[in-house]
Amino acid sequence: MNERLKDISVAHLYRLRGTRHYRERSTTRERTQSVQTPIGERRKPEPCGAPGFLRVDSVHQGDCNGEKGVYHINPVDEVTQWQVPVAVENLQERCVEPALDEMFPLFPFTIGNFHSDNGGEYINEIVHQFLKRWKVKQTKSRPRHSNDNGLAETKNGAVIRKHMTHFHIPQPFAARINKFYREHLIPYLNFHRPCAFPKVEVLPNGKKNVTYPKEQYMTPYEKLKSLPHWQQYLRPGVTPEMLEEQARMKTPNQAARDMQKAKQELFNIVLPHHRGMF
């Protein structure tokens, strides 16, 4: 056999390897092994009209010259659209866990469910243990159900991109962005900025007709107050009087002006090359 093979040219060997008979006998195939992560349950949360069911997504502020920008963790309550964005330097566990610990107390109601996509920044053991300490159920999006996390993804563009732009912001400015979030953007979003809430009507054929009537436009705080017996959802230490006082501290126009002024001061620091564009 070796005597016969030694006289075969390399070109002929390549011709033989191109034949279907050779490929069928020499090629081995293995099915892709699926990886099952036991953290989180794949299902759509069902709040049944109760607040505390968060939809969470991440927004990256872009790269520049090989340098990563800050990330924004964007949680939105499904029922009230209460929103508490937080900026982090990166999405490693050592940054995400403290951000969640800072974020959760800024919601006035008890958190019952944490829903995200299947990204590793949330589907990991550190975040899982953190949610267990807070007694929060963790769920994740299902395959081929793009709307499972649609609310958070919508707020990514309507809020985060609108106010923080698409420009690259270096990671060390995450703490300064959080100061702007806590003092200006979060109060403005939840107490003064109206959101559209859908009215869903089931038709005789089983299809759903979704409309956004004018009376369904309200702030997240107003939506919270419209829920039956809404005081029962408040977390310990938060009273209706505290929320009402915070809502009355500024008029909507004044809150918007103060927020825009603070945002301009922030951009003068984090985006000095684009000064005066905002």
C-alpha atoms as a PDB file:
ATOM      1  CA  MET A   1       0.000   0.000   0.000  1.00  0.00           C
ATOM      2  CA  ASN A   2       2.783   2.456   0.893  1.00  0.00           C
ATOM      3  CA  GLU A   3       4.520   1.697  -2.424  1.00  0.00           C
ATOM      4  CA  ARG A   4       1.370   2.718  -4.290  1.00  0.00           C
ATOM      5  CA  LEU A   5       0.726   5.868  -2.267  1.00  0.00           C
ATOM      6  CA  LYS A   6       4.236   7.289  -2.568  1.00  0.00           C
ATOM      7  CA  ASP A   7       3.833   7.856  -6.324  1.00  0.00           C
ATOM      8  CA  ILE A   8       0.553   9.790  -6.046  1.00  0.00           C
ATOM      9  CA  SER A   9       1.011  13.502  -6.639  1.00  0.00           C
ATOM     10  CA  VAL A  10      -0.083  16.098  -4.105  1.00  0.00           C
ATOM     11  CA  ALA A  11      -2.440  17.631  -6.664  1.00  0.00           C
ATOM     12  CA  HIS A  12      -4.211  14.294  -7.106  1.00  0.00           C
ATOM     13  CA  LEU A  13      -4.572  13.936  -3.326  1.00  0.00           C
ATOM     14  CA  TYR A  14      -6.354  17.309  -3.237  1.00  0.00           C
ATOM     15  CA  ARG A  15      -8.634  16.157  -6.070  1.00  0.00           C
ATOM     16  CA  LEU A  16      -9.486  13.010  -4.129  1.00  0.00           C
ATOM     17  CA  ARG A  17     -10.221  15.006  -0.978  1.00  0.00           C
ATOM     18  CA  GLY A  18     -12.703  17.080  -2.952  1.00  0.00           C
ATOM     19  CA  THR A  19     -14.844  14.113  -3.944  1.00  0.00           C
ATOM     20  CA  ARG A  20     -18.118  13.388  -2.172  1.00  0.00           C
ATOM     21  CA  HIS A  21     -17.034   9.797  -1.424  1.00  0.00           C
ATOM     22  CA  TYR A  22     -13.963  11.042   0.461  1.00  0.00           C
ATOM     23  CA  ARG A  23     -15.944  13.631   2.443  1.00  0.00           C
ATOM     24  CA  GLU A  24     -18.593  11.124   3.434  1.00  0.00           C
ATOM     25  CA  ARG A  25     -16.021   8.639   4.746  1.00  0.00           C
ATOM     26  CA  SER A  26     -13.642  11.076   6.416  1.00  0.00           C
ATOM     27  CA  THR A  27     -15.933  13.731   7.921  1.00  0.00           C
ATOM     28  CA  THR A  28     -17.309  13.282  11.401  1.00  0.00           C
ATOM     29  CA  ARG A  29     -20.104  15.422  12.752  1.00  0.00           C
ATOM     30  CA  GLU A  30     -21.209  16.126  16.279  1.00  0.00           C
ATOM     31  CA  ARG A  31     -24.351  17.917  17.302  1.00  0.00           C
ATOM     32  CA  THR A  32     -23.935  21.227  19.080  1.00  0.00           C
ATOM     33  CA  GLN A  33     -24.056  20.639  22.792  1.00  0.00           C
ATOM     34  CA  SER A  34     -26.535  23.017  24.390  1.00  0.00           C
ATOM     35  CA  VAL A  35     -25.464  24.720  27.599  1.00  0.00           C
ATOM     36  CA  GLN A  36     -28.149  24.807  30.253  1.00  0.00           C
ATOM     37  CA  THR A  37     -27.665  27.457  32.935  1.00  0.00           C
ATOM     38  CA  PRO A  38     -29.797  26.613  35.973  1.00  0.00           C
ATOM     39  CA  ILE A  39     -29.867  30.254  37.124  1.00  0.00           C
ATOM     40  CA  GLY A  40     -33.174  31.987  36.464  1.00  0.00           C
ATOM     41  CA  GLU A  41     -36.401  30.634  35.044  1.00  0.00           C
ATOM     42  CA  ARG A  42     -37.257  31.057  31.378  1.00  0.00           C
ATOM     43  CA  ARG A  43     -40.699  32.608  31.467  1.00  0.00           C
ATOM     44  CA  LYS A  44     -42.535  35.866  31.089  1.00  0.00           C
ATOM     45  CA  PRO A  45     -43.322  37.491  34.462  1.00  0.00           C
ATOM     46  CA  GLU A  46     -46.990  37.920  35.322  1.00  0.00           C
ATOM     47  CA  PRO A  47     -47.355  40.865  37.726  1.00  0.00           C
ATOM     48  CA  CYS A  48     -51.180  40.737  37.758  1.00  0.00           C
ATOM     49  CA  GLY A  49     -51.365  44.484  38.279  1.00  0.00           C
ATOM     50  CA  ALA A  50     -48.872  44.644  41.156  1.00  0.00           C
ATOM     51  CA  PRO A  51     -45.688  46.766  40.992  1.00  0.00           C
ATOM     52  CA  GLY A  52     -42.263  45.340  41.751  1.00  0.00           C
ATOM     53  CA  PHE A  53     -41.735  43.309  38.567  1.00  0.00           C
ATOM     54  CA  LEU A  54     -38.583  44.765  37.015  1.00  0.00           C
ATOM     55  CA  ARG A  55     -37.490  44.442  33.404  1.00  0.00           C
ATOM     56  CA  VAL A  56     -33.736  45.066  33.199  1.00  0.00           C
ATOM     57  CA  ASP A  57     -31.387  45.696  30.301  1.00  0.00           C
ATOM     58  CA  SER A  58     -27.911  47.163  29.740  1.00  0.00           C
ATOM     59  CA  VAL A  59     -26.820  50.027  27.497  1.00  0.00           C
ATOM     60  CA  HIS A  60     -23.197  50.541  26.430  1.00  0.00           C
ATOM     61  CA  GLN A  61     -21.929  54.064  25.905  1.00  0.00           C
ATOM     62  CA  GLY A  62     -19.593  53.023  23.091  1.00  0.00           C
ATOM     63  CA  ASP A  63     -15.888  52.481  22.464  1.00  0.00           C
ATOM     64  CA  CYS A  64     -13.252  55.003  21.420  1.00  0.00           C
ATOM     65  CA  ASN A  65      -9.691  54.144  20.357  1.00  0.00           C
ATOM     66  CA  GLY A  66     -10.020  50.732  21.939  1.00  0.00           C
ATOM     67  CA  GLU A  67     -11.271  52.131  25.253  1.00  0.00           C
ATOM     68  CA  LYS A  68     -14.598  50.893  26.601  1.00  0.00           C
ATOM     69  CA  GLY A  69     -17.198  53.419  27.704  1.00  0.00           C
ATOM     70  CA  VAL A  70     -19.497  53.304  30.712  1.00  0.00           C
ATOM     71  CA  TYR A  71     -22.488  50.979  30.879  1.00  0.00           C
ATOM     72  CA  HIS A  72     -25.978  51.880  32.035  1.00  0.00           C
ATOM     73  CA  ILE A  73     -28.103  49.337  33.896  1.00  0.00           C
ATOM     74  CA  ASN A  74     -31.679  50.248  33.082  1.00  0.00           C
ATOM     75  CA  PRO A  75     -34.432  48.690  35.269  1.00  0.00           C
ATOM     76  CA  VAL A  76     -38.086  49.517  34.579  1.00  0.00           C
ATOM     77  CA  ASP A  77     -41.090  48.378  36.571  1.00  0.00           C
ATOM     78  CA  GLU A  78     -43.570  46.685  34.255  1.00  0.00           C
ATOM     79  CA  VAL A  79     -46.775  48.037  35.833  1.00  0.00           C
ATOM     80  CA  THR A  80     -45.868  51.629  36.796  1.00  0.00           C
ATOM     81  CA  GLN A  81     -42.852  52.183  34.460  1.00  0.00           C
ATOM     82  CA  TRP A  82     -40.900  53.419  37.492  1.00  0.00           C
ATOM     83  CA  GLN A  83     -37.316  53.688  36.263  1.00  0.00           C
ATOM     84  CA  VAL A  84     -34.025  53.820  38.196  1.00  0.00           C
ATOM     85  CA  PRO A  85     -31.008  53.810  35.821  1.00  0.00           C
ATOM     86  CA  VAL A  86     -27.518  53.296  37.252  1.00  0.00           C
ATOM     87  CA  ALA A  87     -24.142  53.765  35.530  1.00  0.00           C
ATOM     88  CA  VAL A  88     -21.273  51.310  36.052  1.00  0.00           C
ATOM     89  CA  GLU A  89     -17.715  51.188  34.754  1.00  0.00           C
ATOM     90  CA  ASN A  90     -18.184  47.691  33.341  1.00  0.00           C
ATOM     91  CA  LEU A  91     -20.519  44.721  33.593  1.00  0.00           C
ATOM     92  CA  GLN A  92     -18.309  42.527  35.725  1.00  0.00           C
ATOM     93  CA  GLU A  93     -19.853  41.095  38.864  1.00  0.00           C
ATOM     94  CA  ARG A  94     -17.812  43.376  41.139  1.00  0.00           C
ATOM     95  CA  CYS A  95     -19.538  46.399  39.549  1.00  0.00           C
ATOM     96  CA  VAL A  96     -23.018  44.997  38.901  1.00  0.00           C
ATOM     97  CA  GLU A  97     -23.712  43.792  42.449  1.00  0.00           C
ATOM     98  CA  PRO A  98     -23.007  47.175  44.151  1.00  0.00           C
ATOM     99  CA  ALA A  99     -25.077  48.889  41.444  1.00  0.00           C
ATOM    100  CA  LEU A 100     -28.048  46.644  42.188  1.00  0.00           C
ATOM    101  CA  ASP A 101     -27.576  47.242  45.891  1.00  0.00           C
ATOM    102  CA  GLU A 102     -27.736  50.988  45.228  1.00  0.00           C
ATOM    103  CA  MET A 103     -30.652  50.678  42.821  1.00  0.00           C
ATOM    104  CA  PHE A 104     -33.150  48.563  44.759  1.00  0.00           C
ATOM    105  CA  PRO A 105     -33.740  51.037  47.653  1.00  0.00           C
ATOM    106  CA  LEU A 106     -34.581  53.772  45.126  1.00  0.00           C
ATOM    107  CA  PHE A 107     -37.799  51.958  44.209  1.00  0.00           C
ATOM    108  CA  PRO A 108     -40.617  52.957  46.593  1.00  0.00           C
ATOM    109  CA  PHE A 109     -42.242  49.518  46.453  1.00  0.00           C
ATOM    110  CA  THR A 110     -41.066  46.026  47.272  1.00  0.00           C
ATOM    111  CA  ILE A 111     -39.243  44.238  44.449  1.00  0.00           C
ATOM    112  CA  GLY A 112     -40.653  40.807  43.694  1.00  0.00           C
ATOM    113  CA  ASN A 113     -39.221  39.816  40.309  1.00  0.00           C
ATOM    114  CA  PHE A 114     -36.032  40.582  38.359  1.00  0.00           C
ATOM    115  CA  HIS A 115     -36.308  39.827  34.623  1.00  0.00           C
ATOM    116  CA  SER A 116     -33.436  40.179  32.148  1.00  0.00           C
ATOM    117  CA  ASP A 117     -32.170  38.702  28.931  1.00  0.00           C
ATOM    118  CA  ASN A 118     -29.647  35.862  29.012  1.00  0.00           C
ATOM    119  CA  GLY A 119     -26.561  38.086  29.304  1.00  0.00           C
ATOM    120  CA  GLY A 120     -23.819  36.906  31.619  1.00  0.00           C
ATOM    121  CA  GLU A 121     -23.855  40.186  33.546  1.00  0.00           C
ATOM    122  CA  TYR A 122     -27.108  39.094  35.215  1.00  0.00           C
ATOM    123  CA  ILE A 123     -27.152  35.313  34.799  1.00  0.00           C
ATOM    124  CA  ASN A 124     -24.334  34.500  37.189  1.00  0.00           C
ATOM    125  CA  GLU A 125     -23.963  33.181  40.707  1.00  0.00           C
ATOM    126  CA  ILE A 126     -23.137  36.527  42.347  1.00  0.00           C
ATOM    127  CA  VAL A 127     -26.283  38.268  41.077  1.00  0.00           C
ATOM    128  CA  HIS A 128     -28.299  35.128  41.807  1.00  0.00           C
ATOM    129  CA  GLN A 129     -27.184  35.110  45.443  1.00  0.00           C
ATOM    130  CA  PHE A 130     -27.804  38.850  45.719  1.00  0.00           C
ATOM    131  CA  LEU A 131     -31.400  38.412  44.539  1.00  0.00           C
ATOM    132  CA  LYS A 132     -31.895  35.533  46.958  1.00  0.00           C
ATOM    133  CA  ARG A 133     -30.841  37.788  49.844  1.00  0.00           C
ATOM    134  CA  TRP A 134     -33.442  40.318  48.716  1.00  0.00           C
ATOM    135  CA  LYS A 135     -35.999  37.488  48.282  1.00  0.00           C
ATOM    136  CA  VAL A 136     -36.477  38.437  44.620  1.00  0.00           C
ATOM    137  CA  LYS A 137     -37.412  35.861  42.000  1.00  0.00           C
ATOM    138  CA  GLN A 138     -35.155  35.799  38.920  1.00  0.00           C
ATOM    139  CA  THR A 139     -36.498  35.131  35.435  1.00  0.00           C
ATOM    140  CA  LYS A 140     -34.956  35.422  31.981  1.00  0.00           C
ATOM    141  CA  SER A 141     -36.240  35.861  28.443  1.00  0.00           C
ATOM    142  CA  ARG A 142     -37.488  32.912  26.430  1.00  0.00           C
ATOM    143  CA  PRO A 143     -36.153  31.952  22.984  1.00  0.00           C
ATOM    144  CA  ARG A 144     -38.106  33.424  20.057  1.00  0.00           C
ATOM    145  CA  HIS A 145     -40.044  35.787  22.338  1.00  0.00           C
ATOM    146  CA  SER A 146     -38.521  39.153  21.513  1.00  0.00           C
ATOM    147  CA  ASN A 147     -41.122  41.087  23.515  1.00  0.00           C
ATOM    148  CA  ASP A 148     -40.231  39.465  26.830  1.00  0.00           C
ATOM    149  CA  ASN A 149     -37.873  42.349  27.628  1.00  0.00           C
ATOM    150  CA  GLY A 150     -39.347  44.880  25.208  1.00  0.00           C
ATOM    151  CA  LEU A 151     -40.254  47.486  27.850  1.00  0.00           C
ATOM    152  CA  ALA A 152     -36.665  47.897  29.047  1.00  0.00           C
ATOM    153  CA  GLU A 153     -35.340  47.950  25.487  1.00  0.00           C
ATOM    154  CA  THR A 154     -37.830  50.684  24.584  1.00  0.00           C
ATOM    155  CA  LYS A 155     -36.681  52.772  27.552  1.00  0.00           C
ATOM    156  CA  ASN A 156     -33.080  52.299  26.424  1.00  0.00           C
ATOM    157  CA  GLY A 157     -33.754  54.533  23.452  1.00  0.00           C
ATOM    158  CA  ALA A 158     -36.497  56.781  24.799  1.00  0.00           C
ATOM    159  CA  VAL A 159     -34.614  57.675  27.993  1.00  0.00           C
ATOM    160  CA  ILE A 160     -30.984  56.542  28.167  1.00  0.00           C
ATOM    161  CA  ARG A 161     -29.968  57.321  24.585  1.00  0.00           C
ATOM    162  CA  LYS A 162     -32.085  60.469  24.500  1.00  0.00           C
ATOM    163  CA  HIS A 163     -30.477  61.972  27.591  1.00  0.00           C
ATOM    164  CA  MET A 164     -26.990  60.397  27.532  1.00  0.00           C
ATOM    165  CA  THR A 165     -26.504  60.496  23.725  1.00  0.00           C
ATOM    166  CA  HIS A 166     -24.484  58.005  21.648  1.00  0.00           C
ATOM    167  CA  PHE A 167     -21.127  59.662  22.336  1.00  0.00           C
ATOM    168  CA  HIS A 168     -18.364  57.730  24.064  1.00  0.00           C
ATOM    169  CA  ILE A 169     -18.116  58.490  27.805  1.00  0.00           C
ATOM    170  CA  PRO A 170     -15.020  57.084  29.575  1.00  0.00           C
ATOM    171  CA  GLN A 171     -15.599  54.570  32.348  1.00  0.00           C
ATOM    172  CA  PRO A 172     -14.230  56.674  35.263  1.00  0.00           C
ATOM    173  CA  PHE A 173     -17.179  59.073  34.873  1.00  0.00           C
ATOM    174  CA  ALA A 174     -19.707  56.456  36.027  1.00  0.00           C
ATOM    175  CA  ALA A 175     -19.828  57.881  39.562  1.00  0.00           C
ATOM    176  CA  ARG A 176     -20.432  61.408  38.256  1.00  0.00           C
ATOM    177  CA  ILE A 177     -23.250  60.170  36.019  1.00  0.00           C
ATOM    178  CA  ASN A 178     -24.863  58.430  38.988  1.00  0.00           C
ATOM    179  CA  LYS A 179     -24.885  61.706  40.902  1.00  0.00           C
ATOM    180  CA  PHE A 180     -26.846  63.276  38.045  1.00  0.00           C
ATOM    181  CA  TYR A 181     -29.176  60.282  37.943  1.00  0.00           C
ATOM    182  CA  ARG A 182     -29.969  60.343  41.666  1.00  0.00           C
ATOM    183  CA  GLU A 183     -30.381  64.085  42.060  1.00  0.00           C
ATOM    184  CA  HIS A 184     -32.119  65.004  38.811  1.00  0.00           C
ATOM    185  CA  LEU A 185     -32.988  62.365  36.195  1.00  0.00           C
ATOM    186  CA  ILE A 186     -34.617  59.732  38.433  1.00  0.00           C
ATOM    187  CA  PRO A 187     -36.914  62.215  40.237  1.00  0.00           C
ATOM    188  CA  TYR A 188     -37.811  63.831  36.904  1.00  0.00           C
ATOM    189  CA  LEU A 189     -38.637  60.506  35.229  1.00  0.00           C
ATOM    190  CA  ASN A 190     -40.798  59.164  38.017  1.00  0.00           C
ATOM    191  CA  PHE A 191     -42.583  62.245  39.349  1.00  0.00           C
ATOM    192  CA  HIS A 192     -42.821  64.632  36.391  1.00  0.00           C
ATOM    193  CA  ARG A 193     -42.442  62.864  33.026  1.00  0.00           C
ATOM    194  CA  PRO A 194     -45.681  61.290  31.703  1.00  0.00           C
ATOM    195  CA  CYS A 195     -45.573  57.810  30.221  1.00  0.00           C
ATOM    196  CA  ALA A 196     -48.046  56.139  27.876  1.00  0.00           C
ATOM    197  CA  PHE A 197     -49.879  53.174  29.376  1.00  0.00           C
ATOM    198  CA  PRO A 198     -51.708  50.807  27.033  1.00  0.00           C
ATOM    199  CA  LYS A 199     -55.358  49.895  27.087  1.00  0.00           C
ATOM    200  CA  VAL A 200     -55.779  46.313  25.895  1.00  0.00           C
ATOM    201  CA  GLU A 201     -59.122  45.169  24.516  1.00  0.00           C
ATOM    202  CA  VAL A 202     -59.708  41.532  23.596  1.00  0.00           C
ATOM    203  CA  LEU A 203     -61.729  41.304  20.377  1.00  0.00           C
ATOM    204  CA  PRO A 204     -64.344  38.605  19.674  1.00  0.00           C
ATOM    205  CA  ASN A 205     -61.887  36.781  17.403  1.00  0.00           C
ATOM    206  CA  GLY A 206     -59.383  36.520  20.244  1.00  0.00           C
ATOM    207  CA  LYS A 207     -56.975  39.162  18.989  1.00  0.00           C
ATOM    208  CA  LYS A 208     -55.893  42.038  21.205  1.00  0.00           C
ATOM    209  CA  ASN A 209     -56.455  45.669  20.280  1.00  0.00           C
ATOM    210  CA  VAL A 210     -53.898  47.918  22.018  1.00  0.00           C
ATOM    211  CA  THR A 211     -54.539  51.671  22.196  1.00  0.00           C
ATOM    212  CA  TYR A 212     -53.029  54.552  24.168  1.00  0.00           C
ATOM    213  CA  PRO A 213     -55.894  56.882  25.122  1.00  0.00           C
ATOM    214  CA  LYS A 214     -55.145  60.338  26.421  1.00  0.00           C
ATOM    215  CA  GLU A 215     -56.343  59.564  29.937  1.00  0.00           C
ATOM    216  CA  GLN A 216     -53.773  56.755  30.137  1.00  0.00           C
ATOM    217  CA  TYR A 217     -50.850  59.206  29.983  1.00  0.00           C
ATOM    218  CA  MET A 218     -49.527  59.730  33.507  1.00  0.00           C
ATOM    219  CA  THR A 219     -46.311  59.770  35.495  1.00  0.00           C
ATOM    220  CA  PRO A 220     -45.089  56.566  37.157  1.00  0.00           C
ATOM    221  CA  TYR A 221     -46.009  58.085  40.538  1.00  0.00           C
ATOM    222  CA  GLU A 222     -49.542  58.831  39.340  1.00  0.00           C
ATOM    223  CA  LYS A 223     -49.817  55.326  37.945  1.00  0.00           C
ATOM    224  CA  LEU A 224     -48.698  53.904  41.283  1.00  0.00           C
ATOM    225  CA  LYS A 225     -51.355  55.930  43.116  1.00  0.00           C
ATOM    226  CA  SER A 226     -54.027  54.737  40.681  1.00  0.00           C
ATOM    227  CA  LEU A 227     -53.557  51.095  41.722  1.00  0.00           C
ATOM    228  CA  PRO A 228     -56.148  49.727  44.169  1.00  0.00           C
ATOM    229  CA  HIS A 229     -54.832  49.861  47.734  1.00  0.00           C
ATOM    230  CA  TRP A 230     -51.462  51.021  46.431  1.00  0.00           C
ATOM    231  CA  GLN A 231     -50.077  51.718  49.902  1.00  0.00           C
ATOM    232  CA  GLN A 232     -49.780  47.980  50.536  1.00  0.00           C
ATOM    233  CA  TYR A 233     -46.997  47.725  47.945  1.00  0.00           C
ATOM    234  CA  LEU A 234     -44.704  50.311  49.553  1.00  0.00           C
ATOM    235  CA  ARG A 235     -41.520  48.924  51.024  1.00  0.00           C
ATOM    236  CA  PRO A 236     -40.814  49.450  54.754  1.00  0.00           C
ATOM    237  CA  GLY A 237     -39.705  52.991  55.521  1.00  0.00           C
ATOM    238  CA  VAL A 238     -41.566  54.600  52.616  1.00  0.00           C
ATOM    239  CA  THR A 239     -44.846  56.397  53.316  1.00  0.00           C
ATOM    240  CA  PRO A 240     -47.368  58.039  50.974  1.00  0.00           C
ATOM    241  CA  GLU A 241     -46.590  61.374  52.619  1.00  0.00           C
ATOM    242  CA  MET A 242     -42.912  61.065  51.712  1.00  0.00           C
ATOM    243  CA  LEU A 243     -43.722  60.391  48.067  1.00  0.00           C
ATOM    244  CA  GLU A 244     -46.247  63.222  47.885  1.00  0.00           C
ATOM    245  CA  GLU A 245     -43.740  65.645  49.391  1.00  0.00           C
ATOM    246  CA  GLN A 246     -41.145  64.652  46.823  1.00  0.00           C
ATOM    247  CA  ALA A 247     -43.652  65.065  43.992  1.00  0.00           C
ATOM    248  CA  ARG A 248     -44.592  68.569  45.156  1.00  0.00           C
ATOM    249  CA  MET A 249     -41.037  69.832  45.615  1.00  0.00           C
ATOM    250  CA  LYS A 250     -40.939  71.075  42.013  1.00  0.00           C
ATOM    251  CA  THR A 251     -43.356  71.700  39.198  1.00  0.00           C
ATOM    252  CA  PRO A 252     -42.843  69.564  36.056  1.00  0.00           C
ATOM    253  CA  ASN A 253     -41.417  72.513  34.123  1.00  0.00           C
ATOM    254  CA  GLN A 254     -39.064  73.446  36.938  1.00  0.00           C
ATOM    255  CA  ALA A 255     -37.886  69.843  37.298  1.00  0.00           C
ATOM    256  CA  ALA A 256     -37.248  69.676  33.537  1.00  0.00           C
ATOM    257  CA  ARG A 257     -35.283  72.935  33.553  1.00  0.00           C
ATOM    258  CA  ASP A 258     -33.171  71.872  36.517  1.00  0.00           C
ATOM    259  CA  MET A 259     -32.537  68.484  34.928  1.00  0.00           C
ATOM    260  CA  GLN A 260     -31.434  70.044  31.628  1.00  0.00           C
ATOM    261  CA  LYS A 261     -29.141  72.471  33.439  1.00  0.00           C
ATOM    262  CA  ALA A 262     -27.563  69.662  35.453  1.00  0.00           C
ATOM    263  CA  LYS A 263     -27.170  67.576  32.295  1.00  0.00           C
ATOM    264  CA  GLN A 264     -25.355  70.428  30.558  1.00  0.00           C
ATOM    265  CA  GLU A 265     -22.976  70.728  33.515  1.00  0.00           C
ATOM    266  CA  LEU A 266     -22.409  66.969  33.388  1.00  0.00           C
ATOM    267  CA  PHE A 267     -21.635  66.981  29.666  1.00  0.00           C
ATOM    268  CA  ASN A 268     -19.229  69.894  30.078  1.00  0.00           C
ATOM    269  CA  ILE A 269     -17.223  67.518  32.274  1.00  0.00           C
ATOM    270  CA  VAL A 270     -17.619  64.126  30.573  1.00  0.00           C
ATOM    271  CA  LEU A 271     -17.800  65.381  26.966  1.00  0.00           C
ATOM    272  CA  PRO A 272     -15.583  68.474  26.862  1.00  0.00           C
ATOM    273  CA  HIS A 273     -14.976  68.122  23.100  1.00  0.00           C
ATOM    274  CA  HIS A 274     -18.711  68.501  22.464  1.00  0.00           C
ATOM    275  CA  ARG A 275     -19.273  71.483  24.724  1.00  0.00           C
ATOM    276  CA  GLY A 276     -22.311  73.569  23.817  1.00  0.00           C
ATOM    277  CA  MET A 277     -23.978  70.878  21.666  1.00  0.00           C
ATOM    278  CA  PHE A 278     -26.566  69.878  24.275  1.00  0.00           C
END
